[in-house]
Amino acid sequence: MTAHLSDSDRQALRLAHDLREEMRLALPPHGTAVPAVSPFVDPAGRPSVLMRMDADTARALMALLGERRAEQAVPPEPRRADGSHVPPSAPAVAGAPMAPMARAAHSPLLPTTFPAR
């Protein structure tokens, strides 16, 4: 059946099948239909797919993508009550005096007692 298809056609068929299966596994099983995924080879010869889905499935997909984006989101920058930006603490300037605790954190650790000979 697929003997007369080009490599791009075969790749597009495989891509559509794999995407359809991933969508079936990712979307909630109740209340959403698996999107229609059709193989397509674009004019440049690249394997592609076309998708069609109903509104409920589109909303479920958007919710899934939103949850994933929220999991990967960078926490927002700290803001003051008035909404202004709180700048990060500045790095130490060379030659500037350091607080005692900061100085200790940057000093090498040395033994305070030596073994007796």
PDB file of N, CA and C in Angstrom:
ATOM      1  N   MET A   1       0.813  -1.206   0.000  1.00  0.00           N
ATOM      2  CA  MET A   1       0.000   0.000   0.000  1.00  0.00           C
ATOM      3  C   MET A   1       0.850   1.260   0.000  1.00  0.00           C
ATOM      4  N   THR A   2       1.959   1.269   0.742  1.00  0.00           N
ATOM      5  CA  THR A   2       2.797   2.464   0.805  1.00  0.00           C
ATOM      6  C   THR A   2       4.019   2.361  -0.105  1.00  0.00           C
ATOM      7  N   ALA A   3       4.063   1.360  -0.977  1.00  0.00           N
ATOM      8  CA  ALA A   3       5.230   1.156  -1.834  1.00  0.00           C
ATOM      9  C   ALA A   3       5.449   2.306  -2.799  1.00  0.00           C
ATOM     10  N   HIS A   4       4.382   2.983  -3.209  1.00  0.00           N
ATOM     11  CA  HIS A   4       4.514   4.067  -4.185  1.00  0.00           C
ATOM     12  C   HIS A   4       4.753   5.426  -3.520  1.00  0.00           C
ATOM     13  N   LEU A   5       4.839   5.466  -2.197  1.00  0.00           N
ATOM     14  CA  LEU A   5       5.020   6.736  -1.481  1.00  0.00           C
ATOM     15  C   LEU A   5       6.495   7.119  -1.409  1.00  0.00           C
ATOM     16  N   SER A   6       6.741   8.402  -1.419  1.00  0.00           N
ATOM     17  CA  SER A   6       8.114   8.904  -1.267  1.00  0.00           C
ATOM     18  C   SER A   6       8.525   8.811   0.203  1.00  0.00           C
ATOM     19  N   ASP A   7       9.794   9.025   0.470  1.00  0.00           N
ATOM     20  CA  ASP A   7      10.270   9.028   1.855  1.00  0.00           C
ATOM     21  C   ASP A   7       9.564  10.110   2.666  1.00  0.00           C
ATOM     22  N   SER A   8       9.355  11.279   2.067  1.00  0.00           N
ATOM     23  CA  SER A   8       8.657  12.366   2.768  1.00  0.00           C
ATOM     24  C   SER A   8       7.226  11.975   3.092  1.00  0.00           C
ATOM     25  N   ASP A   9       6.566  11.280   2.165  1.00  0.00           N
ATOM     26  CA  ASP A   9       5.194  10.811   2.421  1.00  0.00           C
ATOM     27  C   ASP A   9       5.174   9.838   3.598  1.00  0.00           C
ATOM     28  N   ARG A  10       6.117   8.891   3.605  1.00  0.00           N
ATOM     29  CA  ARG A  10       6.183   7.912   4.692  1.00  0.00           C
ATOM     30  C   ARG A  10       6.469   8.600   6.031  1.00  0.00           C
ATOM     31  N   GLN A  11       7.374   9.569   6.002  1.00  0.00           N
ATOM     32  CA  GLN A  11       7.698  10.299   7.234  1.00  0.00           C
ATOM     33  C   GLN A  11       6.486  11.087   7.734  1.00  0.00           C
ATOM     34  N   ALA A  12       5.731  11.689   6.827  1.00  0.00           N
ATOM     35  CA  ALA A  12       4.537  12.443   7.208  1.00  0.00           C
ATOM     36  C   ALA A  12       3.488  11.506   7.796  1.00  0.00           C
ATOM     37  N   LEU A  13       3.319  10.318   7.212  1.00  0.00           N
ATOM     38  CA  LEU A  13       2.384   9.333   7.759  1.00  0.00           C
ATOM     39  C   LEU A  13       2.786   8.927   9.175  1.00  0.00           C
ATOM     40  N   ARG A  14       4.059   8.664   9.363  1.00  0.00           N
ATOM     41  CA  ARG A  14       4.556   8.256  10.685  1.00  0.00           C
ATOM     42  C   ARG A  14       4.396   9.398  11.690  1.00  0.00           C
ATOM     43  N   LEU A  15       4.718  10.613  11.268  1.00  0.00           N
ATOM     44  CA  LEU A  15       4.586  11.787  12.125  1.00  0.00           C
ATOM     45  C   LEU A  15       3.137  11.972  12.565  1.00  0.00           C
ATOM     46  N   ALA A  16       2.199  11.850  11.631  1.00  0.00           N
ATOM     47  CA  ALA A  16       0.773  11.997  11.959  1.00  0.00           C
ATOM     48  C   ALA A  16       0.331  10.909  12.932  1.00  0.00           C
ATOM     49  N   HIS A  17       0.752   9.684  12.701  1.00  0.00           N
ATOM     50  CA  HIS A  17       0.396   8.580  13.594  1.00  0.00           C
ATOM     51  C   HIS A  17       0.950   8.811  14.995  1.00  0.00           C
ATOM     52  N   ASP A  18       2.237   9.159  15.088  1.00  0.00           N
ATOM     53  CA  ASP A  18       2.872   9.371  16.396  1.00  0.00           C
ATOM     54  C   ASP A  18       2.233  10.539  17.147  1.00  0.00           C
ATOM     55  N   LEU A  19       1.944  11.625  16.438  1.00  0.00           N
ATOM     56  CA  LEU A  19       1.327  12.783  17.085  1.00  0.00           C
ATOM     57  C   LEU A  19      -0.089  12.440  17.557  1.00  0.00           C
ATOM     58  N   ARG A  20      -0.844  11.746  16.743  1.00  0.00           N
ATOM     59  CA  ARG A  20      -2.197  11.336  17.131  1.00  0.00           C
ATOM     60  C   ARG A  20      -2.149  10.488  18.403  1.00  0.00           C
ATOM     61  N   GLU A  21      -1.200   9.567  18.478  1.00  0.00           N
ATOM     62  CA  GLU A  21      -1.070   8.703  19.652  1.00  0.00           C
ATOM     63  C   GLU A  21      -0.651   9.498  20.891  1.00  0.00           C
ATOM     64  N   GLU A  22       0.298  10.415  20.736  1.00  0.00           N
ATOM     65  CA  GLU A  22       0.725  11.249  21.876  1.00  0.00           C
ATOM     66  C   GLU A  22      -0.417  12.122  22.379  1.00  0.00           C
ATOM     67  N   MET A  23      -1.203  12.673  21.458  1.00  0.00           N
ATOM     68  CA  MET A  23      -2.346  13.492  21.858  1.00  0.00           C
ATOM     69  C   MET A  23      -3.374  12.638  22.601  1.00  0.00           C
ATOM     70  N   ARG A  24      -3.590  11.422  22.134  1.00  0.00           N
ATOM     71  CA  ARG A  24      -4.547  10.526  22.798  1.00  0.00           C
ATOM     72  C   ARG A  24      -4.102  10.237  24.227  1.00  0.00           C
ATOM     73  N   LEU A  25      -2.802  10.024  24.426  1.00  0.00           N
ATOM     74  CA  LEU A  25      -2.286   9.723  25.761  1.00  0.00           C
ATOM     75  C   LEU A  25      -2.253  10.954  26.663  1.00  0.00           C
ATOM     76  N   ALA A  26      -2.033  12.128  26.094  1.00  0.00           N
ATOM     77  CA  ALA A  26      -1.859  13.346  26.898  1.00  0.00           C
ATOM     78  C   ALA A  26      -3.176  13.989  27.304  1.00  0.00           C
ATOM     79  N   LEU A  27      -4.168  13.920  26.450  1.00  0.00           N
ATOM     80  CA  LEU A  27      -5.430  14.601  26.744  1.00  0.00           C
ATOM     81  C   LEU A  27      -6.286  13.766  27.693  1.00  0.00           C
ATOM     82  N   PRO A  28      -7.105  14.432  28.518  1.00  0.00           N
ATOM     83  CA  PRO A  28      -7.971  13.679  29.430  1.00  0.00           C
ATOM     84  C   PRO A  28      -8.897  12.749  28.649  1.00  0.00           C
ATOM     85  N   PRO A  29      -9.135  11.541  29.181  1.00  0.00           N
ATOM     86  CA  PRO A  29      -9.911  10.562  28.418  1.00  0.00           C
ATOM     87  C   PRO A  29     -11.394  10.885  28.291  1.00  0.00           C
ATOM     88  N   HIS A  30     -11.941  11.669  29.205  1.00  0.00           N
ATOM     89  CA  HIS A  30     -13.380  11.933  29.175  1.00  0.00           C
ATOM     90  C   HIS A  30     -13.654  13.350  28.674  1.00  0.00           C
ATOM     91  N   GLY A  31     -14.585  13.469  27.769  1.00  0.00           N
ATOM     92  CA  GLY A  31     -15.052  14.778  27.325  1.00  0.00           C
ATOM     93  C   GLY A  31     -14.257  15.395  26.191  1.00  0.00           C
ATOM     94  N   THR A  32     -13.180  14.750  25.761  1.00  0.00           N
ATOM     95  CA  THR A  32     -12.430  15.309  24.636  1.00  0.00           C
ATOM     96  C   THR A  32     -12.255  14.233  23.576  1.00  0.00           C
ATOM     97  N   ALA A  33     -12.319  14.650  22.343  1.00  0.00           N
ATOM     98  CA  ALA A  33     -12.088  13.740  21.221  1.00  0.00           C
ATOM     99  C   ALA A  33     -10.626  13.866  20.808  1.00  0.00           C
ATOM    100  N   VAL A  34     -10.069  12.781  20.330  1.00  0.00           N
ATOM    101  CA  VAL A  34      -8.694  12.841  19.830  1.00  0.00           C
ATOM    102  C   VAL A  34      -8.711  13.697  18.568  1.00  0.00           C
ATOM    103  N   PRO A  35      -7.814  14.678  18.480  1.00  0.00           N
ATOM    104  CA  PRO A  35      -7.791  15.531  17.290  1.00  0.00           C
ATOM    105  C   PRO A  35      -7.525  14.716  16.025  1.00  0.00           C
ATOM    106  N   ALA A  36      -8.081  15.176  14.942  1.00  0.00           N
ATOM    107  CA  ALA A  36      -7.793  14.569  13.641  1.00  0.00           C
ATOM    108  C   ALA A  36      -6.420  15.075  13.201  1.00  0.00           C
ATOM    109  N   VAL A  37      -5.525  14.158  12.917  1.00  0.00           N
ATOM    110  CA  VAL A  37      -4.172  14.512  12.492  1.00  0.00           C
ATOM    111  C   VAL A  37      -3.958  13.857  11.129  1.00  0.00           C
ATOM    112  N   SER A  38      -3.707  14.686  10.125  1.00  0.00           N
ATOM    113  CA  SER A  38      -3.539  14.184   8.757  1.00  0.00           C
ATOM    114  C   SER A  38      -2.119  14.437   8.276  1.00  0.00           C
ATOM    115  N   PRO A  39      -1.530  13.462   7.589  1.00  0.00           N
ATOM    116  CA  PRO A  39      -0.189  13.671   7.039  1.00  0.00           C
ATOM    117  C   PRO A  39      -0.245  14.654   5.877  1.00  0.00           C
ATOM    118  N   PHE A  40       0.844  15.370   5.703  1.00  0.00           N
ATOM    119  CA  PHE A  40       0.905  16.386   4.660  1.00  0.00           C
ATOM    120  C   PHE A  40       2.371  16.588   4.310  1.00  0.00           C
ATOM    121  N   VAL A  41       2.679  16.699   3.051  1.00  0.00           N
ATOM    122  CA  VAL A  41       4.035  17.047   2.606  1.00  0.00           C
ATOM    123  C   VAL A  41       3.929  18.434   2.002  1.00  0.00           C
ATOM    124  N   ASP A  42       4.662  19.384   2.603  1.00  0.00           N
ATOM    125  CA  ASP A  42       4.544  20.772   2.145  1.00  0.00           C
ATOM    126  C   ASP A  42       5.233  20.957   0.787  1.00  0.00           C
ATOM    127  N   PRO A  43       5.047  22.109   0.149  1.00  0.00           N
ATOM    128  CA  PRO A  43       5.619  22.331  -1.184  1.00  0.00           C
ATOM    129  C   PRO A  43       7.143  22.179  -1.236  1.00  0.00           C
ATOM    130  N   ALA A  44       7.814  22.357  -0.098  1.00  0.00           N
ATOM    131  CA  ALA A  44       9.269  22.202  -0.083  1.00  0.00           C
ATOM    132  C   ALA A  44       9.664  20.741   0.105  1.00  0.00           C
ATOM    133  N   GLY A  45       8.664  19.847   0.256  1.00  0.00           N
ATOM    134  CA  GLY A  45       8.956  18.429   0.410  1.00  0.00           C
ATOM    135  C   GLY A  45       9.173  17.982   1.844  1.00  0.00           C
ATOM    136  N   ARG A  46       8.862  18.863   2.813  1.00  0.00           N
ATOM    137  CA  ARG A  46       9.057  18.520   4.225  1.00  0.00           C
ATOM    138  C   ARG A  46       7.830  17.802   4.776  1.00  0.00           C
ATOM    139  N   PRO A  47       8.038  16.703   5.510  1.00  0.00           N
ATOM    140  CA  PRO A  47       6.907  16.029   6.146  1.00  0.00           C
ATOM    141  C   PRO A  47       6.255  16.964   7.161  1.00  0.00           C
ATOM    142  N   SER A  48       4.932  17.024   7.146  1.00  0.00           N
ATOM    143  CA  SER A  48       4.184  17.910   8.026  1.00  0.00           C
ATOM    144  C   SER A  48       2.889  17.218   8.423  1.00  0.00           C
ATOM    145  N   VAL A  49       2.125  17.875   9.278  1.00  0.00           N
ATOM    146  CA  VAL A  49       0.801  17.377   9.646  1.00  0.00           C
ATOM    147  C   VAL A  49      -0.179  18.532   9.673  1.00  0.00           C
ATOM    148  N   LEU A  50      -1.446  18.202   9.482  1.00  0.00           N
ATOM    149  CA  LEU A  50      -2.543  19.143   9.656  1.00  0.00           C
ATOM    150  C   LEU A  50      -3.389  18.592  10.799  1.00  0.00           C
ATOM    151  N   MET A  51      -3.829  19.486  11.704  1.00  0.00           N
ATOM    152  CA  MET A  51      -4.642  19.047  12.834  1.00  0.00           C
ATOM    153  C   MET A  51      -5.977  19.765  12.814  1.00  0.00           C
ATOM    154  N   ARG A  52      -7.021  19.029  13.218  1.00  0.00           N
ATOM    155  CA  ARG A  52      -8.342  19.615  13.389  1.00  0.00           C
ATOM    156  C   ARG A  52      -8.899  19.057  14.683  1.00  0.00           C
ATOM    157  N   MET A  53      -9.460  19.951  15.499  1.00  0.00           N
ATOM    158  CA  MET A  53     -10.048  19.509  16.765  1.00  0.00           C
ATOM    159  C   MET A  53     -11.242  20.377  17.104  1.00  0.00           C
ATOM    160  N   ASP A  54     -12.129  19.838  17.920  1.00  0.00           N
ATOM    161  CA  ASP A  54     -13.298  20.618  18.337  1.00  0.00           C
ATOM    162  C   ASP A  54     -12.898  21.560  19.475  1.00  0.00           C
ATOM    163  N   ALA A  55     -13.824  22.410  19.880  1.00  0.00           N
ATOM    164  CA  ALA A  55     -13.526  23.430  20.889  1.00  0.00           C
ATOM    165  C   ALA A  55     -13.158  22.816  22.234  1.00  0.00           C
ATOM    166  N   ASP A  56     -13.841  21.758  22.652  1.00  0.00           N
ATOM    167  CA  ASP A  56     -13.523  21.131  23.941  1.00  0.00           C
ATOM    168  C   ASP A  56     -12.113  20.559  23.953  1.00  0.00           C
ATOM    169  N   THR A  57     -11.736  19.927  22.866  1.00  0.00           N
ATOM    170  CA  THR A  57     -10.395  19.367  22.773  1.00  0.00           C
ATOM    171  C   THR A  57      -9.354  20.483  22.744  1.00  0.00           C
ATOM    172  N   ALA A  58      -9.650  21.564  22.042  1.00  0.00           N
ATOM    173  CA  ALA A  58      -8.725  22.705  21.998  1.00  0.00           C
ATOM    174  C   ALA A  58      -8.533  23.288  23.395  1.00  0.00           C
ATOM    175  N   ARG A  59      -9.627  23.419  24.157  1.00  0.00           N
ATOM    176  CA  ARG A  59      -9.512  23.937  25.531  1.00  0.00           C
ATOM    177  C   ARG A  59      -8.702  22.991  26.408  1.00  0.00           C
ATOM    178  N   ALA A  60      -8.911  21.691  26.259  1.00  0.00           N
ATOM    179  CA  ALA A  60      -8.148  20.715  27.042  1.00  0.00           C
ATOM    180  C   ALA A  60      -6.664  20.783  26.697  1.00  0.00           C
ATOM    181  N   LEU A  61      -6.356  20.942  25.419  1.00  0.00           N
ATOM    182  CA  LEU A  61      -4.957  21.055  24.996  1.00  0.00           C
ATOM    183  C   LEU A  61      -4.335  22.338  25.543  1.00  0.00           C
ATOM    184  N   MET A  62      -5.066  23.444  25.498  1.00  0.00           N
ATOM    185  CA  MET A  62      -4.548  24.709  26.044  1.00  0.00           C
ATOM    186  C   MET A  62      -4.296  24.589  27.542  1.00  0.00           C
ATOM    187  N   ALA A  63      -5.190  23.913  28.268  1.00  0.00           N
ATOM    188  CA  ALA A  63      -5.002  23.729  29.708  1.00  0.00           C
ATOM    189  C   ALA A  63      -3.760  22.888  29.981  1.00  0.00           C
ATOM    190  N   LEU A  64      -3.576  21.839  29.205  1.00  0.00           N
ATOM    191  CA  LEU A  64      -2.407  20.981  29.361  1.00  0.00           C
ATOM    192  C   LEU A  64      -1.115  21.753  29.106  1.00  0.00           C
ATOM    193  N   LEU A  65      -1.101  22.537  28.045  1.00  0.00           N
ATOM    194  CA  LEU A  65       0.082  23.341  27.727  1.00  0.00           C
ATOM    195  C   LEU A  65       0.318  24.416  28.783  1.00  0.00           C
ATOM    196  N   GLY A  66      -0.760  25.021  29.292  1.00  0.00           N
ATOM    197  CA  GLY A  66      -0.630  26.029  30.343  1.00  0.00           C
ATOM    198  C   GLY A  66      -0.050  25.441  31.614  1.00  0.00           C
ATOM    199  N   GLU A  67      -0.479  24.233  31.990  1.00  0.00           N
ATOM    200  CA  GLU A  67       0.077  23.566  33.177  1.00  0.00           C
ATOM    201  C   GLU A  67       1.554  23.290  32.993  1.00  0.00           C
ATOM    202  N   ARG A  68       1.921  22.841  31.816  1.00  0.00           N
ATOM    203  CA  ARG A  68       3.340  22.543  31.551  1.00  0.00           C
ATOM    204  C   ARG A  68       4.180  23.818  31.615  1.00  0.00           C
ATOM    205  N   ARG A  69       3.642  24.900  31.047  1.00  0.00           N
ATOM    206  CA  ARG A  69       4.361  26.174  31.071  1.00  0.00           C
ATOM    207  C   ARG A  69       4.505  26.671  32.501  1.00  0.00           C
ATOM    208  N   ALA A  70       3.474  26.497  33.325  1.00  0.00           N
ATOM    209  CA  ALA A  70       3.520  26.937  34.723  1.00  0.00           C
ATOM    210  C   ALA A  70       4.561  26.149  35.505  1.00  0.00           C
ATOM    211  N   GLU A  71       4.711  24.853  35.194  1.00  0.00           N
ATOM    212  CA  GLU A  71       5.712  24.036  35.871  1.00  0.00           C
ATOM    213  C   GLU A  71       7.128  24.502  35.543  1.00  0.00           C
ATOM    214  N   GLN A  72       7.323  25.027  34.353  1.00  0.00           N
ATOM    215  CA  GLN A  72       8.651  25.449  33.904  1.00  0.00           C
ATOM    216  C   GLN A  72       8.898  26.940  34.097  1.00  0.00           C
ATOM    217  N   ALA A  73       7.909  27.639  34.612  1.00  0.00           N
ATOM    218  CA  ALA A  73       7.995  29.104  34.690  1.00  0.00           C
ATOM    219  C   ALA A  73       9.068  29.549  35.679  1.00  0.00           C
ATOM    220  N   VAL A  74       9.694  30.643  35.348  1.00  0.00           N
ATOM    221  CA  VAL A  74      10.649  31.296  36.229  1.00  0.00           C
ATOM    222  C   VAL A  74       9.837  32.132  37.207  1.00  0.00           C
ATOM    223  N   PRO A  75      10.161  32.079  38.496  1.00  0.00           N
ATOM    224  CA  PRO A  75       9.379  32.888  39.433  1.00  0.00           C
ATOM    225  C   PRO A  75       9.440  34.365  39.057  1.00  0.00           C
ATOM    226  N   PRO A  76       8.363  35.090  39.286  1.00  0.00           N
ATOM    227  CA  PRO A  76       8.350  36.509  38.920  1.00  0.00           C
ATOM    228  C   PRO A  76       9.364  37.296  39.748  1.00  0.00           C
ATOM    229  N   GLU A  77       9.821  38.401  39.171  1.00  0.00           N
ATOM    230  CA  GLU A  77      10.752  39.269  39.887  1.00  0.00           C
ATOM    231  C   GLU A  77      10.062  39.841  41.119  1.00  0.00           C
ATOM    232  N   PRO A  78      10.823  40.024  42.198  1.00  0.00           N
ATOM    233  CA  PRO A  78      10.196  40.610  43.391  1.00  0.00           C
ATOM    234  C   PRO A  78       9.755  42.049  43.125  1.00  0.00           C
ATOM    235  N   ARG A  79       8.606  42.392  43.664  1.00  0.00           N
ATOM    236  CA  ARG A  79       8.044  43.739  43.506  1.00  0.00           C
ATOM    237  C   ARG A  79       7.656  44.283  44.870  1.00  0.00           C
ATOM    238  N   ARG A  80       7.746  45.596  44.994  1.00  0.00           N
ATOM    239  CA  ARG A  80       7.286  46.261  46.212  1.00  0.00           C
ATOM    240  C   ARG A  80       5.770  46.368  46.171  1.00  0.00           C
ATOM    241  N   ALA A  81       5.163  46.785  47.288  1.00  0.00           N
ATOM    242  CA  ALA A  81       3.706  46.917  47.363  1.00  0.00           C
ATOM    243  C   ALA A  81       3.183  47.890  46.301  1.00  0.00           C
ATOM    244  N   ASP A  82       3.999  48.887  45.941  1.00  0.00           N
ATOM    245  CA  ASP A  82       3.556  49.860  44.939  1.00  0.00           C
ATOM    246  C   ASP A  82       3.793  49.367  43.501  1.00  0.00           C
ATOM    247  N   GLY A  83       4.337  48.132  43.364  1.00  0.00           N
ATOM    248  CA  GLY A  83       4.562  47.552  42.052  1.00  0.00           C
ATOM    249  C   GLY A  83       5.937  47.828  41.469  1.00  0.00           C
ATOM    250  N   SER A  84       6.748  48.634  42.154  1.00  0.00           N
ATOM    251  CA  SER A  84       8.076  48.941  41.620  1.00  0.00           C
ATOM    252  C   SER A  84       9.016  47.752  41.801  1.00  0.00           C
ATOM    253  N   HIS A  85      10.005  47.689  40.956  1.00  0.00           N
ATOM    254  CA  HIS A  85      10.984  46.599  40.919  1.00  0.00           C
ATOM    255  C   HIS A  85      11.910  46.663  42.130  1.00  0.00           C
ATOM    256  N   VAL A  86      12.219  45.503  42.710  1.00  0.00           N
ATOM    257  CA  VAL A  86      13.201  45.412  43.791  1.00  0.00           C
ATOM    258  C   VAL A  86      14.491  44.916  43.156  1.00  0.00           C
ATOM    259  N   PRO A  87      15.546  45.756  43.123  1.00  0.00           N
ATOM    260  CA  PRO A  87      16.786  45.335  42.474  1.00  0.00           C
ATOM    261  C   PRO A  87      17.470  44.221  43.264  1.00  0.00           C
ATOM    262  N   PRO A  88      18.178  43.334  42.572  1.00  0.00           N
ATOM    263  CA  PRO A  88      18.919  42.282  43.284  1.00  0.00           C
ATOM    264  C   PRO A  88      20.051  42.904  44.075  1.00  0.00           C
ATOM    265  N   SER A  89      20.515  42.195  45.102  1.00  0.00           N
ATOM    266  CA  SER A  89      21.621  42.740  45.890  1.00  0.00           C
ATOM    267  C   SER A  89      22.851  42.831  44.997  1.00  0.00           C
ATOM    268  N   ALA A  90      23.585  43.915  45.149  1.00  0.00           N
ATOM    269  CA  ALA A  90      24.735  44.184  44.299  1.00  0.00           C
ATOM    270  C   ALA A  90      25.910  43.304  44.711  1.00  0.00           C
ATOM    271  N   PRO A  91      26.717  42.831  43.744  1.00  0.00           N
ATOM    272  CA  PRO A  91      27.908  42.058  44.086  1.00  0.00           C
ATOM    273  C   PRO A  91      28.935  42.955  44.770  1.00  0.00           C
ATOM    274  N   ALA A  92      29.794  42.339  45.556  1.00  0.00           N
ATOM    275  CA  ALA A  92      30.818  43.094  46.279  1.00  0.00           C
ATOM    276  C   ALA A  92      31.770  43.769  45.294  1.00  0.00           C
ATOM    277  N   VAL A  93      32.154  44.997  45.605  1.00  0.00           N
ATOM    278  CA  VAL A  93      33.086  45.757  44.782  1.00  0.00           C
ATOM    279  C   VAL A  93      34.491  45.515  45.313  1.00  0.00           C
ATOM    280  N   ALA A  94      35.438  45.270  44.415  1.00  0.00           N
ATOM    281  CA  ALA A  94      36.812  45.014  44.824  1.00  0.00           C
ATOM    282  C   ALA A  94      37.354  46.200  45.614  1.00  0.00           C
ATOM    283  N   GLY A  95      37.946  45.912  46.749  1.00  0.00           N
ATOM    284  CA  GLY A  95      38.537  46.963  47.573  1.00  0.00           C
ATOM    285  C   GLY A  95      37.582  47.551  48.587  1.00  0.00           C
ATOM    286  N   ALA A  96      36.292  47.266  48.477  1.00  0.00           N
ATOM    287  CA  ALA A  96      35.325  47.795  49.437  1.00  0.00           C
ATOM    288  C   ALA A  96      35.374  46.951  50.703  1.00  0.00           C
ATOM    289  N   PRO A  97      35.180  47.580  51.877  1.00  0.00           N
ATOM    290  CA  PRO A  97      35.214  46.800  53.115  1.00  0.00           C
ATOM    291  C   PRO A  97      34.035  45.832  53.154  1.00  0.00           C
ATOM    292  N   MET A  98      34.288  44.650  53.717  1.00  0.00           N
ATOM    293  CA  MET A  98      33.255  43.633  53.815  1.00  0.00           C
ATOM    294  C   MET A  98      32.790  43.510  55.258  1.00  0.00           C
ATOM    295  N   ALA A  99      31.541  43.124  55.411  1.00  0.00           N
ATOM    296  CA  ALA A  99      31.026  42.841  56.747  1.00  0.00           C
ATOM    297  C   ALA A  99      31.769  41.625  57.286  1.00  0.00           C
ATOM    298  N   PRO A 100      31.903  41.482  58.634  1.00  0.00           N
ATOM    299  CA  PRO A 100      32.666  40.360  59.199  1.00  0.00           C
ATOM    300  C   PRO A 100      32.191  38.994  58.707  1.00  0.00           C
ATOM    301  N   MET A 101      30.895  38.759  58.636  1.00  0.00           N
ATOM    302  CA  MET A 101      30.398  37.451  58.192  1.00  0.00           C
ATOM    303  C   MET A 101      30.714  37.227  56.720  1.00  0.00           C
ATOM    304  N   ALA A 102      30.597  38.250  55.912  1.00  0.00           N
ATOM    305  CA  ALA A 102      30.907  38.127  54.495  1.00  0.00           C
ATOM    306  C   ALA A 102      32.392  37.875  54.306  1.00  0.00           C
ATOM    307  N   ARG A 103      33.226  38.547  55.121  1.00  0.00           N
ATOM    308  CA  ARG A 103      34.671  38.365  55.033  1.00  0.00           C
ATOM    309  C   ARG A 103      35.012  36.922  55.378  1.00  0.00           C
ATOM    310  N   ALA A 104      34.378  36.364  56.414  1.00  0.00           N
ATOM    311  CA  ALA A 104      34.636  34.989  56.821  1.00  0.00           C
ATOM    312  C   ALA A 104      34.239  34.014  55.718  1.00  0.00           C
ATOM    313  N   ALA A 105      33.168  34.299  55.007  1.00  0.00           N
ATOM    314  CA  ALA A 105      32.703  33.400  53.958  1.00  0.00           C
ATOM    315  C   ALA A 105      33.680  33.375  52.782  1.00  0.00           C
ATOM    316  N   HIS A 106      34.459  34.433  52.586  1.00  0.00           N
ATOM    317  CA  HIS A 106      35.389  34.506  51.465  1.00  0.00           C
ATOM    318  C   HIS A 106      36.825  34.195  51.870  1.00  0.00           C
ATOM    319  N   SER A 107      37.079  33.932  53.138  1.00  0.00           N
ATOM    320  CA  SER A 107      38.431  33.637  53.617  1.00  0.00           C
ATOM    321  C   SER A 107      38.688  32.140  53.548  1.00  0.00           C
ATOM    322  N   PRO A 108      39.949  31.738  53.359  1.00  0.00           N
ATOM    323  CA  PRO A 108      40.256  30.311  53.363  1.00  0.00           C
ATOM    324  C   PRO A 108      40.085  29.760  54.775  1.00  0.00           C
ATOM    325  N   LEU A 109      39.718  28.504  54.860  1.00  0.00           N
ATOM    326  CA  LEU A 109      39.582  27.870  56.164  1.00  0.00           C
ATOM    327  C   LEU A 109      40.953  27.409  56.633  1.00  0.00           C
ATOM    328  N   LEU A 110      41.336  27.800  57.834  1.00  0.00           N
ATOM    329  CA  LEU A 110      42.617  27.414  58.408  1.00  0.00           C
ATOM    330  C   LEU A 110      42.363  26.685  59.712  1.00  0.00           C
ATOM    331  N   PRO A 111      43.188  25.697  60.042  1.00  0.00           N
ATOM    332  CA  PRO A 111      42.999  24.988  61.311  1.00  0.00           C
ATOM    333  C   PRO A 111      43.291  25.928  62.478  1.00  0.00           C
ATOM    334  N   THR A 112      42.510  25.790  63.537  1.00  0.00           N
ATOM    335  CA  THR A 112      42.738  26.646  64.699  1.00  0.00           C
ATOM    336  C   THR A 112      43.676  26.004  65.701  1.00  0.00           C
ATOM    337  N   THR A 113      43.870  24.684  65.609  1.00  0.00           N
ATOM    338  CA  THR A 113      44.865  24.013  66.460  1.00  0.00           C
ATOM    339  C   THR A 113      45.707  23.128  65.578  1.00  0.00           C
ATOM    340  N   PHE A 114      46.934  22.914  66.001  1.00  0.00           N
ATOM    341  CA  PHE A 114      47.862  22.095  65.241  1.00  0.00           C
ATOM    342  C   PHE A 114      48.174  20.847  66.051  1.00  0.00           C
ATOM    343  N   PRO A 115      48.375  19.735  65.407  1.00  0.00           N
ATOM    344  CA  PRO A 115      48.714  18.514  66.158  1.00  0.00           C
ATOM    345  C   PRO A 115      50.061  18.681  66.876  1.00  0.00           C
ATOM    346  N   ALA A 116      50.136  18.118  68.060  1.00  0.00           N
ATOM    347  CA  ALA A 116      51.382  18.189  68.830  1.00  0.00           C
ATOM    348  C   ALA A 116      52.406  17.244  68.225  1.00  0.00           C
ATOM    349  N   ARG A 117      53.690  17.630  68.278  1.00  0.00           N
ATOM    350  CA  ARG A 117      54.760  16.791  67.721  1.00  0.00           C
ATOM    351  C   ARG A 117      55.442  16.014  68.767  1.00  0.00           C
TER     352      ARG A 117
END
